[in-house]
C-alpha atoms as a PDB file:
ATOM      1  CA  MET A   1      93.967  66.206  69.758  1.00  0.00           C
ATOM      2  CA  THR A   2      91.004  65.981  67.670  1.00  0.00           C
ATOM      3  CA  VAL A   3      89.288  69.095  65.603  1.00  0.00           C
ATOM      4  CA  GLN A   4      85.718  68.741  64.635  1.00  0.00           C
ATOM      5  CA  PRO A   5      84.070  70.753  61.961  1.00  0.00           C
ATOM      6  CA  ASP A   6      81.300  73.315  62.470  1.00  0.00           C
ATOM      7  CA  ARG A   7      78.095  71.645  62.343  1.00  0.00           C
ATOM      8  CA  ASP A   8      74.494  72.263  63.525  1.00  0.00           C
ATOM      9  CA  ASP A   9      74.273  68.930  65.151  1.00  0.00           C
ATOM     10  CA  TYR A  10      74.714  68.239  68.923  1.00  0.00           C
ATOM     11  CA  GLU A  11      77.723  66.089  68.371  1.00  0.00           C
ATOM     12  CA  SER A  12      79.988  67.663  71.015  1.00  0.00           C
ATOM     13  CA  PRO A  13      81.008  65.810  74.165  1.00  0.00           C
ATOM     14  CA  LEU A  14      79.551  69.247  76.039  1.00  0.00           C
ATOM     15  CA  GLY A  15      76.334  68.714  74.452  1.00  0.00           C
ATOM     16  CA  THR A  16      76.373  71.781  72.893  1.00  0.00           C
ATOM     17  CA  ARG A  17      76.144  72.559  68.632  1.00  0.00           C
ATOM     18  CA  GLY A  18      78.867  73.484  66.413  1.00  0.00           C
ATOM     19  CA  GLY A  19      82.615  72.830  65.848  1.00  0.00           C
ATOM     20  CA  TYR A  20      84.960  71.629  68.716  1.00  0.00           C
ATOM     21  CA  LEU A  21      89.007  70.909  69.621  1.00  0.00           C
ATOM     22  CA  ARG A  22      89.426  68.039  71.972  1.00  0.00           C
ATOM     23  CA  VAL A  23      92.338  67.373  73.657  1.00  0.00           C
ATOM     24  CA  ASP A  24      92.604  63.976  75.525  1.00  0.00           C
ATOM     25  CA  LEU A  25      94.610  64.133  78.809  1.00  0.00           C
ATOM     26  CA  GLU A  26      95.739  61.844  81.528  1.00  0.00           C
ATOM     27  CA  CYS A  27      96.958  62.088  84.815  1.00  0.00           C
ATOM     28  CA  SER A  28      99.628  59.961  86.615  1.00  0.00           C
ATOM     29  CA  ASP A  29      97.221  57.548  88.061  1.00  0.00           C
ATOM     30  CA  GLY A  30      95.925  56.768  84.745  1.00  0.00           C
ATOM     31  CA  HIS A  31      92.419  58.508  84.944  1.00  0.00           C
ATOM     32  CA  GLY A  32      91.413  59.719  81.426  1.00  0.00           C
ATOM     33  CA  PHE A  33      89.689  63.215  80.497  1.00  0.00           C
ATOM     34  CA  ALA A  34      89.007  65.221  77.427  1.00  0.00           C
ATOM     35  CA  PHE A  35      89.555  68.779  77.624  1.00  0.00           C
ATOM     36  CA  ILE A  36      86.865  70.495  75.114  1.00  0.00           C
ATOM     37  CA  MET A  37      86.573  73.977  73.474  1.00  0.00           C
ATOM     38  CA  GLY A  38      83.703  74.673  71.324  1.00  0.00           C
ATOM     39  CA  ASN A  39      81.843  77.725  69.559  1.00  0.00           C
ATOM     40  CA  HIS A  40      78.507  77.992  67.929  1.00  0.00           C
ATOM     41  CA  LYS A  41      77.506  81.328  66.620  1.00  0.00           C
ATOM     42  CA  GLY A  42      79.978  83.601  68.792  1.00  0.00           C
ATOM     43  CA  ALA A  43      79.285  81.499  71.933  1.00  0.00           C
ATOM     44  CA  GLU A  44      82.321  79.829  73.147  1.00  0.00           C
ATOM     45  CA  PHE A  45      82.015  76.373  75.588  1.00  0.00           C
ATOM     46  CA  VAL A  46      84.647  74.845  77.566  1.00  0.00           C
ATOM     47  CA  GLY A  47      84.817  71.918  79.774  1.00  0.00           C
ATOM     48  CA  VAL A  48      86.263  68.972  80.610  1.00  0.00           C
ATOM     49  CA  VAL A  49      84.736  65.457  80.540  1.00  0.00           C
ATOM     50  CA  PRO A  50      85.574  61.884  81.496  1.00  0.00           C
ATOM     51  CA  ARG A  51      87.006  60.394  78.291  1.00  0.00           C
ATOM     52  CA  THR A  52      85.487  57.706  76.678  1.00  0.00           C
END
């Protein structure tokens, strides 16, 4: 799990501004994903992206 500070840059893997929490996941076949939860100015963002 990785926690990123709240910034005004578009650094989130979801392409959003603000801080975010990243949880790296892997299925039994070895495919990697990142579960992302972010927040910026009261807006919540949730997504799953391929792990890089």
